[in-house]
């Protein structure tokens, strides 16, 4: 890995086939790689999710019959992946937002405790 690349830190979930189609899995991998290399993604690929926390975003992956979302946070030394879910409405489900906030609290308490 190049020094400038950030590792992915998975707090929950995975990108696999199924349920992702092969094309959606490849697109997710491509976009995550761009994030690792320090690129700032914007619409239509990603949008801020300040409701969850600072530096949090929603990666948008359009699949055959479903739209996937990957909630992530950009840290100085990593890309923290919080949740992967299929989006069915205009807003992220309240459960997803709360789960992401809790995962961040848990992650940060461990990282800060080092």
C-alpha atoms as a PDB file:
ATOM      1  CA  UNK A   1       0.000   0.000   0.000  1.00  0.00           C
ATOM      2  CA  UNK A   2       1.314   3.451  -0.884  1.00  0.00           C
ATOM      3  CA  UNK A   3       2.021   5.718   2.110  1.00  0.00           C
ATOM      4  CA  UNK A   4      -0.722   8.163   1.093  1.00  0.00           C
ATOM      5  CA  UNK A   5      -3.405   5.466   0.943  1.00  0.00           C
ATOM      6  CA  UNK A   6      -5.735   5.023   3.890  1.00  0.00           C
ATOM      7  CA  UNK A   7      -6.851   1.565   5.027  1.00  0.00           C
ATOM      8  CA  UNK A   8     -10.530   0.675   5.231  1.00  0.00           C
ATOM      9  CA  UNK A   9     -11.757  -0.017   8.760  1.00  0.00           C
ATOM     10  CA  UNK A  10     -14.923  -2.159   8.638  1.00  0.00           C
ATOM     11  CA  UNK A  11     -17.091  -1.766  11.724  1.00  0.00           C
ATOM     12  CA  UNK A  12     -19.949  -3.859  10.328  1.00  0.00           C
ATOM     13  CA  UNK A  13     -21.125  -5.566   7.153  1.00  0.00           C
ATOM     14  CA  UNK A  14     -19.394  -6.484   3.946  1.00  0.00           C
ATOM     15  CA  UNK A  15     -19.735  -6.036   0.211  1.00  0.00           C
ATOM     16  CA  UNK A  16     -20.329  -9.433  -1.316  1.00  0.00           C
ATOM     17  CA  UNK A  17     -22.255 -11.201  -4.020  1.00  0.00           C
ATOM     18  CA  UNK A  18     -25.071 -11.776  -3.251  1.00  0.00           C
ATOM     19  CA  UNK A  19     -26.710  -9.389  -2.381  1.00  0.00           C
ATOM     20  CA  UNK A  20     -24.603  -6.957  -4.464  1.00  0.00           C
ATOM     21  CA  UNK A  21     -24.535  -7.690  -8.181  1.00  0.00           C
ATOM     22  CA  UNK A  22     -21.070  -8.104  -9.662  1.00  0.00           C
ATOM     23  CA  UNK A  23     -21.245  -4.631 -11.239  1.00  0.00           C
ATOM     24  CA  UNK A  24     -22.360  -2.991  -7.984  1.00  0.00           C
ATOM     25  CA  UNK A  25     -19.579  -4.756  -6.064  1.00  0.00           C
ATOM     26  CA  UNK A  26     -17.014  -3.529  -8.603  1.00  0.00           C
ATOM     27  CA  UNK A  27     -18.365   0.030  -8.471  1.00  0.00           C
ATOM     28  CA  UNK A  28     -18.265   0.024  -4.670  1.00  0.00           C
ATOM     29  CA  UNK A  29     -14.682  -1.235  -4.725  1.00  0.00           C
ATOM     30  CA  UNK A  30     -13.675   1.396  -7.274  1.00  0.00           C
ATOM     31  CA  UNK A  31     -15.247   4.242  -5.263  1.00  0.00           C
ATOM     32  CA  UNK A  32     -13.793   3.012  -1.957  1.00  0.00           C
ATOM     33  CA  UNK A  33     -10.357   2.841  -3.597  1.00  0.00           C
ATOM     34  CA  UNK A  34     -10.713   6.478  -4.702  1.00  0.00           C
ATOM     35  CA  UNK A  35     -11.510   7.422  -1.093  1.00  0.00           C
ATOM     36  CA  UNK A  36      -8.473   5.488   0.134  1.00  0.00           C
ATOM     37  CA  UNK A  37      -6.315   7.480  -2.256  1.00  0.00           C
ATOM     38  CA  UNK A  38      -7.556  10.734  -0.714  1.00  0.00           C
ATOM     39  CA  UNK A  39     -10.056  11.796  -3.356  1.00  0.00           C
ATOM     40  CA  UNK A  40     -13.053  13.734  -2.086  1.00  0.00           C
ATOM     41  CA  UNK A  41     -16.189  12.347  -3.730  1.00  0.00           C
ATOM     42  CA  UNK A  42     -19.340  14.382  -4.248  1.00  0.00           C
ATOM     43  CA  UNK A  43     -22.716  13.893  -5.906  1.00  0.00           C
ATOM     44  CA  UNK A  44     -23.788  11.698  -7.557  1.00  0.00           C
ATOM     45  CA  UNK A  45     -21.397   9.275  -5.795  1.00  0.00           C
ATOM     46  CA  UNK A  46     -21.374  10.596  -2.247  1.00  0.00           C
ATOM     47  CA  UNK A  47     -23.060  13.165  -0.039  1.00  0.00           C
ATOM     48  CA  UNK A  48     -22.364  14.421   3.491  1.00  0.00           C
ATOM     49  CA  UNK A  49     -24.223  12.865   6.432  1.00  0.00           C
ATOM     50  CA  UNK A  50     -23.592  15.473   9.123  1.00  0.00           C
ATOM     51  CA  UNK A  51     -26.612  14.134  11.014  1.00  0.00           C
ATOM     52  CA  UNK A  52     -24.441  11.126  11.899  1.00  0.00           C
ATOM     53  CA  UNK A  53     -21.275  13.058  12.633  1.00  0.00           C
ATOM     54  CA  UNK A  54     -18.409  15.169  11.357  1.00  0.00           C
ATOM     55  CA  UNK A  55     -16.678  13.844   8.239  1.00  0.00           C
ATOM     56  CA  UNK A  56     -19.463  11.263   7.704  1.00  0.00           C
ATOM     57  CA  UNK A  57     -20.791  10.564   4.225  1.00  0.00           C
ATOM     58  CA  UNK A  58     -23.130   8.278   2.319  1.00  0.00           C
ATOM     59  CA  UNK A  59     -21.661   6.435  -0.677  1.00  0.00           C
ATOM     60  CA  UNK A  60     -24.343   5.766  -3.286  1.00  0.00           C
ATOM     61  CA  UNK A  61     -24.268   2.533  -5.318  1.00  0.00           C
ATOM     62  CA  UNK A  62     -27.037   1.914  -7.847  1.00  0.00           C
ATOM     63  CA  UNK A  63     -27.648  -1.777  -8.472  1.00  0.00           C
ATOM     64  CA  UNK A  64     -30.113  -3.596 -10.733  1.00  0.00           C
ATOM     65  CA  UNK A  65     -33.263  -3.248  -8.601  1.00  0.00           C
ATOM     66  CA  UNK A  66     -31.940  -1.629  -5.440  1.00  0.00           C
ATOM     67  CA  UNK A  67     -29.909   1.357  -4.323  1.00  0.00           C
ATOM     68  CA  UNK A  68     -27.161   0.564  -1.815  1.00  0.00           C
ATOM     69  CA  UNK A  69     -25.697   2.975   0.682  1.00  0.00           C
ATOM     70  CA  UNK A  70     -22.388   2.714   2.492  1.00  0.00           C
ATOM     71  CA  UNK A  71     -22.060   5.082   5.435  1.00  0.00           C
ATOM     72  CA  UNK A  72     -18.439   6.054   6.059  1.00  0.00           C
ATOM     73  CA  UNK A  73     -16.290   8.569   7.911  1.00  0.00           C
ATOM     74  CA  UNK A  74     -13.052  10.036   6.657  1.00  0.00           C
ATOM     75  CA  UNK A  75     -10.446   9.983   9.419  1.00  0.00           C
ATOM     76  CA  UNK A  76      -6.910  11.326   9.058  1.00  0.00           C
ATOM     77  CA  UNK A  77      -5.481   7.802   8.954  1.00  0.00           C
ATOM     78  CA  UNK A  78      -8.352   5.625   7.625  1.00  0.00           C
ATOM     79  CA  UNK A  79     -11.764   5.363   6.012  1.00  0.00           C
ATOM     80  CA  UNK A  80     -14.160   4.011   8.657  1.00  0.00           C
ATOM     81  CA  UNK A  81     -17.089   2.038   7.197  1.00  0.00           C
ATOM     82  CA  UNK A  82     -20.094   2.166   9.509  1.00  0.00           C
ATOM     83  CA  UNK A  83     -23.023   0.519   7.730  1.00  0.00           C
ATOM     84  CA  UNK A  84     -24.178  -0.936   4.423  1.00  0.00           C
ATOM     85  CA  UNK A  85     -27.880  -1.031   3.629  1.00  0.00           C
ATOM     86  CA  UNK A  86     -30.369  -0.882   0.788  1.00  0.00           C
ATOM     87  CA  UNK A  87     -32.155   2.423   0.625  1.00  0.00           C
ATOM     88  CA  UNK A  88     -35.869   2.348  -0.068  1.00  0.00           C
ATOM     89  CA  UNK A  89     -36.982   5.866   0.894  1.00  0.00           C
ATOM     90  CA  UNK A  90     -35.724   9.411   0.506  1.00  0.00           C
ATOM     91  CA  UNK A  91     -34.133   9.447   3.959  1.00  0.00           C
ATOM     92  CA  UNK A  92     -31.779   7.102   5.746  1.00  0.00           C
ATOM     93  CA  UNK A  93     -33.765   5.049   8.269  1.00  0.00           C
ATOM     94  CA  UNK A  94     -33.593   6.360  11.828  1.00  0.00           C
ATOM     95  CA  UNK A  95     -32.340   2.930  12.958  1.00  0.00           C
ATOM     96  CA  UNK A  96     -29.370   3.216  10.567  1.00  0.00           C
ATOM     97  CA  UNK A  97     -28.499   6.690  11.831  1.00  0.00           C
ATOM     98  CA  UNK A  98     -28.606   5.583  15.468  1.00  0.00           C
ATOM     99  CA  UNK A  99     -26.587   2.412  14.772  1.00  0.00           C
ATOM    100  CA  UNK A 100     -23.921   4.465  12.977  1.00  0.00           C
ATOM    101  CA  UNK A 101     -23.699   6.959  15.841  1.00  0.00           C
ATOM    102  CA  UNK A 102     -23.299   4.122  18.345  1.00  0.00           C
ATOM    103  CA  UNK A 103     -20.627   2.401  16.244  1.00  0.00           C
ATOM    104  CA  UNK A 104     -18.708   5.674  16.059  1.00  0.00           C
ATOM    105  CA  UNK A 105     -18.925   6.145  19.829  1.00  0.00           C
ATOM    106  CA  UNK A 106     -17.690   2.583  20.382  1.00  0.00           C
ATOM    107  CA  UNK A 107     -14.916   2.905  17.783  1.00  0.00           C
ATOM    108  CA  UNK A 108     -13.746   6.273  19.081  1.00  0.00           C
ATOM    109  CA  UNK A 109     -13.677   5.070  22.693  1.00  0.00           C
ATOM    110  CA  UNK A 110     -11.369   2.212  21.670  1.00  0.00           C
ATOM    111  CA  UNK A 111      -9.154   4.378  19.441  1.00  0.00           C
ATOM    112  CA  UNK A 112      -8.937   7.159  22.048  1.00  0.00           C
ATOM    113  CA  UNK A 113      -8.176   4.567  24.726  1.00  0.00           C
ATOM    114  CA  UNK A 114      -4.970   3.409  22.957  1.00  0.00           C
END
